[in-house]
Amino acid sequence: MFTRSILLIFLFAACASLVDASALVWDQTEVRIEMEPDQEEARASFSVTNKGEKVVRIARVASNCGCTGTILNKKIILPGESTEIIATFSKGKRQGLNRNRLQVYLDSQADAVVTLKMNVQIPTLIEARPQIVYWSPESPKTSRQVRLAVDERYIDQILQIDYDRSQLTVTQEPGDPKNNDALVLSVEPKDFSKLYRGTITVYGSGPDGRKAETRVHAFVQP
């Protein structure tokens, strides 16, 4: 085993010149994953084969987001051999489409040899558009509309809307199915001359007791 390791190092040092990217054949360079609402982590596998005549060593894999990590099967790839890069994505509090990029660097090369793309779609169970309503001294003293949409695979009703009734007036009306709106809220401060920062919280439920919520932030700057 020791002798093989020494041999690999020797072969790599002898072949440290630039490697043509076409010598590395990837099974895929882009994946799309749709997570389940309760799923906290997603994984994707990228396999690469060294079709060239030189030994290749992967120096590092850089990510554009701290939410994405990598597990490298092995760094040194002899001619004809393969290795696997496993990308891991941690959801945290993220929603919607997350576009993650992994750049693979080889020894003695300043530029990435390939960019691997991991696109992760996280369900937004209740979506508020917009998520912030704001009134400034220059803006019209009128209500603001907030459209609420639900992912009908997981949420089938809006249960409750909480807000400070001493500061805001919030009315609701049915949304337009053509726009995928479950409800439309009309939000208006009771006093435009008073500084206010508050939150409207929308609660929903779905099959099997699933719960979800979203928040709309309201600001009044007199």
Protein backbone atom coordinates (compact mmCIF):
# COMPACT_ATOMS: atom_id res chain seq x y z
CA MET A 1 0.00 0.00 0.00
CA PHE A 2 2.87 2.34 0.91
CA THR A 3 4.66 1.55 -2.36
CA ARG A 4 1.51 2.30 -4.39
CA SER A 5 1.09 5.68 -2.65
CA ILE A 6 4.68 6.62 -3.45
CA LEU A 7 4.16 5.56 -7.05
CA LEU A 8 1.01 7.70 -7.36
CA ILE A 9 2.85 10.75 -6.04
CA PHE A 10 5.72 10.16 -8.44
CA LEU A 11 3.39 9.76 -11.41
CA PHE A 12 1.51 12.90 -10.50
CA ALA A 13 4.67 14.98 -10.11
CA ALA A 14 5.89 13.77 -13.50
CA CYS A 15 2.63 14.80 -15.14
CA ALA A 16 2.05 18.15 -13.44
CA SER A 17 1.65 20.07 -16.71
CA LEU A 18 -1.71 21.48 -17.64
CA VAL A 19 -4.46 18.93 -18.23
CA ASP A 20 -6.84 19.39 -21.12
CA ALA A 21 -10.37 19.70 -19.71
CA SER A 22 -11.64 17.45 -22.52
CA ALA A 23 -9.69 14.59 -20.95
CA LEU A 24 -12.14 14.67 -18.03
CA VAL A 25 -15.53 13.19 -18.92
CA TRP A 26 -18.41 13.94 -16.53
CA ASP A 27 -21.58 11.89 -16.31
CA GLN A 28 -23.43 15.19 -15.70
CA THR A 29 -22.56 18.76 -14.82
CA GLU A 30 -26.00 20.05 -13.83
CA VAL A 31 -28.78 18.57 -11.70
CA ARG A 32 -32.18 19.79 -10.54
CA ILE A 33 -33.63 18.53 -7.27
CA GLU A 34 -37.02 19.24 -5.72
CA MET A 35 -37.01 18.85 -1.97
CA GLU A 36 -39.89 17.73 0.20
CA PRO A 37 -41.17 20.27 2.76
CA ASP A 38 -39.73 18.30 5.70
CA GLN A 39 -36.43 17.46 4.00
CA GLU A 40 -33.43 19.27 5.49
CA GLU A 41 -30.66 18.13 3.15
CA ALA A 42 -30.33 17.26 -0.54
CA ARG A 43 -27.47 15.43 -2.26
CA ALA A 44 -26.28 15.17 -5.85
CA SER A 45 -23.58 12.98 -7.36
CA PHE A 46 -21.17 14.01 -10.12
CA SER A 47 -18.88 11.32 -11.52
CA VAL A 48 -15.80 12.11 -13.59
CA THR A 49 -13.55 9.78 -15.60
CA ASN A 50 -9.98 10.56 -16.63
CA LYS A 51 -9.91 9.72 -20.37
CA GLY A 52 -6.48 11.28 -20.86
CA GLU A 53 -2.99 9.90 -20.51
CA LYS A 54 -1.91 12.01 -17.53
CA VAL A 55 -2.57 11.57 -13.84
CA VAL A 56 -5.03 14.18 -12.57
CA ARG A 57 -5.29 15.49 -9.03
CA ILE A 58 -8.29 17.49 -7.85
CA ALA A 59 -6.92 20.25 -5.60
CA ARG A 60 -10.19 21.63 -4.27
CA VAL A 61 -13.89 22.20 -4.92
CA ALA A 62 -15.17 25.72 -4.21
CA SER A 63 -18.83 26.55 -3.59
CA ASN A 64 -20.66 29.84 -4.09
CA CYS A 65 -22.71 29.28 -0.91
CA GLY A 66 -21.98 28.15 2.61
CA CYS A 67 -25.11 26.00 2.37
CA THR A 68 -23.36 23.66 -0.08
CA GLY A 69 -20.54 21.28 0.78
CA THR A 70 -18.76 18.45 -1.01
CA ILE A 71 -17.58 14.94 -0.33
CA LEU A 72 -14.76 13.82 -2.62
CA ASN A 73 -14.30 10.08 -3.15
CA LYS A 74 -10.63 10.44 -4.08
CA LYS A 75 -8.43 13.26 -5.35
CA ILE A 76 -5.91 11.46 -7.56
CA ILE A 77 -7.37 10.01 -10.77
CA LEU A 78 -5.16 7.73 -12.83
CA PRO A 79 -5.76 7.41 -16.60
CA GLY A 80 -8.92 5.38 -17.14
CA GLU A 81 -10.08 5.72 -13.53
CA SER A 82 -13.03 7.65 -12.11
CA THR A 83 -13.97 9.52 -8.97
CA GLU A 84 -17.17 10.91 -7.52
CA ILE A 85 -17.99 14.33 -6.10
CA ILE A 86 -21.04 14.36 -3.84
CA ALA A 87 -22.59 17.80 -3.35
CA THR A 88 -24.61 18.37 -0.16
CA PHE A 89 -27.14 21.19 0.24
CA SER A 90 -28.49 22.25 3.66
CA LYS A 91 -31.88 23.95 3.44
CA GLY A 92 -31.88 26.02 6.61
CA LYS A 93 -34.60 28.67 6.25
CA ARG A 94 -34.26 28.98 2.48
CA GLN A 95 -37.22 28.81 0.12
CA GLY A 96 -37.80 28.78 -3.61
CA LEU A 97 -35.13 28.02 -6.21
CA ASN A 98 -31.54 27.92 -4.97
CA ARG A 99 -28.84 27.92 -7.65
CA ASN A 100 -25.61 26.46 -6.32
CA ARG A 101 -22.30 26.40 -8.16
CA LEU A 102 -19.33 24.14 -7.48
CA GLN A 103 -16.07 24.96 -9.21
CA VAL A 104 -13.54 22.15 -9.49
CA TYR A 105 -9.83 23.09 -9.50
CA LEU A 106 -6.90 20.90 -10.45
CA ASP A 107 -3.36 21.17 -9.17
CA SER A 108 -1.20 23.72 -11.01
CA GLN A 109 -4.21 25.34 -12.71
CA ALA A 110 -5.52 28.76 -11.70
CA ASP A 111 -8.91 28.43 -13.41
CA ALA A 112 -11.64 25.97 -12.59
CA VAL A 113 -11.70 22.96 -14.91
CA VAL A 114 -15.51 22.73 -14.68
CA THR A 115 -18.46 24.36 -12.94
CA LEU A 116 -21.00 21.91 -11.55
CA LYS A 117 -24.53 23.22 -11.09
CA MET A 118 -26.89 22.02 -8.37
CA ASN A 119 -30.32 23.65 -8.64
CA VAL A 120 -32.51 22.93 -5.62
CA GLN A 121 -36.20 23.81 -5.54
CA ILE A 122 -37.58 24.22 -2.03
CA PRO A 123 -41.39 24.35 -1.79
CA THR A 124 -42.81 27.69 -0.66
CA LEU A 125 -45.90 26.48 1.17
CA ILE A 126 -47.41 29.95 1.55
CA GLU A 127 -46.06 32.77 -0.59
CA ALA A 128 -46.75 36.45 0.06
CA ARG A 129 -46.24 38.93 -2.79
CA PRO A 130 -44.84 41.36 -1.74
CA GLN A 131 -43.35 40.47 1.62
CA ILE A 132 -42.89 44.12 2.60
CA VAL A 133 -45.44 46.95 2.46
CA TYR A 134 -44.13 50.46 3.08
CA TRP A 135 -45.43 54.00 3.39
CA SER A 136 -43.16 57.04 3.26
CA PRO A 137 -44.08 60.73 3.48
CA GLU A 138 -44.02 60.90 -0.33
CA SER A 139 -46.06 57.75 -1.03
CA PRO A 140 -49.85 57.77 -1.50
CA LYS A 141 -51.84 57.34 1.71
CA THR A 142 -53.68 54.33 0.36
CA SER A 143 -53.88 50.62 1.11
CA ARG A 144 -51.34 48.14 -0.22
CA GLN A 145 -52.30 44.80 -1.70
CA VAL A 146 -50.59 41.55 -0.73
CA ARG A 147 -51.32 38.42 -2.77
CA LEU A 148 -51.17 35.07 -0.99
CA ALA A 149 -50.53 31.85 -2.89
CA VAL A 150 -50.31 28.33 -1.50
CA ASP A 151 -48.66 25.17 -2.77
CA GLU A 152 -51.80 23.07 -3.10
CA ARG A 153 -49.83 19.83 -2.84
CA TYR A 154 -49.19 20.60 0.82
CA ILE A 155 -51.49 23.46 1.96
CA ASP A 156 -55.20 23.65 1.19
CA GLN A 157 -56.48 26.46 3.42
CA ILE A 158 -55.54 29.70 5.15
CA LEU A 159 -56.47 29.33 8.80
CA GLN A 160 -55.70 32.65 10.40
CA ILE A 161 -54.17 36.08 9.82
CA ASP A 162 -52.63 37.79 12.87
CA TYR A 163 -51.65 41.46 13.09
CA ASP A 164 -51.85 44.45 15.40
CA ARG A 165 -55.43 45.61 14.96
CA SER A 166 -54.73 48.83 16.85
CA GLN A 167 -52.24 49.86 14.14
CA LEU A 168 -53.43 48.25 10.90
CA THR A 169 -56.59 47.58 8.98
CA VAL A 170 -56.38 44.36 7.01
CA THR A 171 -59.20 43.13 4.80
CA GLN A 172 -59.23 40.05 2.60
CA GLU A 173 -60.96 38.91 -0.54
CA PRO A 174 -60.75 35.78 -2.68
CA GLY A 175 -57.80 35.64 -5.02
CA ASP A 176 -57.79 35.15 -8.76
CA PRO A 177 -57.12 31.46 -9.59
CA LYS A 178 -55.57 32.58 -12.88
CA ASN A 179 -52.80 34.24 -10.86
CA ASN A 180 -52.60 31.31 -8.43
CA ASP A 181 -53.82 33.58 -5.62
CA ALA A 182 -55.58 32.03 -2.65
CA LEU A 183 -56.32 35.39 -1.02
CA VAL A 184 -55.65 39.07 -1.58
CA LEU A 185 -55.05 41.23 1.49
CA SER A 186 -55.54 44.99 1.57
CA VAL A 187 -53.31 46.53 4.24
CA GLU A 188 -53.60 50.11 5.49
CA PRO A 189 -52.18 51.88 8.57
CA LYS A 190 -54.69 53.52 10.88
CA ASP A 191 -52.36 56.48 11.37
CA PHE A 192 -50.00 57.55 8.57
CA SER A 193 -48.40 60.18 10.83
CA LYS A 194 -47.05 57.67 13.35
CA LEU A 195 -43.88 55.58 13.02
CA TYR A 196 -44.76 51.90 12.85
CA ARG A 197 -42.98 48.62 12.24
CA GLY A 198 -45.00 45.46 12.49
CA THR A 199 -45.66 42.01 11.12
CA ILE A 200 -48.67 40.29 9.60
CA THR A 201 -48.48 36.52 10.11
CA VAL A 202 -50.45 34.18 7.88
CA TYR A 203 -51.11 30.61 9.03
CA GLY A 204 -52.21 27.73 6.81
CA SER A 205 -52.81 24.01 7.05
CA GLY A 206 -52.92 20.98 4.80
CA PRO A 207 -53.42 17.23 4.72
CA ASP A 208 -52.08 15.08 7.56
CA GLY A 209 -52.02 18.04 9.92
CA ARG A 210 -49.30 19.93 8.06
CA LYS A 211 -48.86 23.54 9.21
CA ALA A 212 -47.19 26.47 7.49
CA GLU A 213 -46.86 30.19 7.94
CA THR A 214 -45.47 33.25 6.24
CA ARG A 215 -44.92 36.86 7.28
CA VAL A 216 -45.51 40.25 5.73
CA HIS A 217 -43.62 43.20 7.20
CA ALA A 218 -45.34 46.58 7.37
CA PHE A 219 -43.46 49.87 7.79
CA VAL A 220 -44.76 53.41 8.17
CA GLN A 221 -42.22 56.24 7.95
CA PRO A 222 -44.00 59.56 8.70
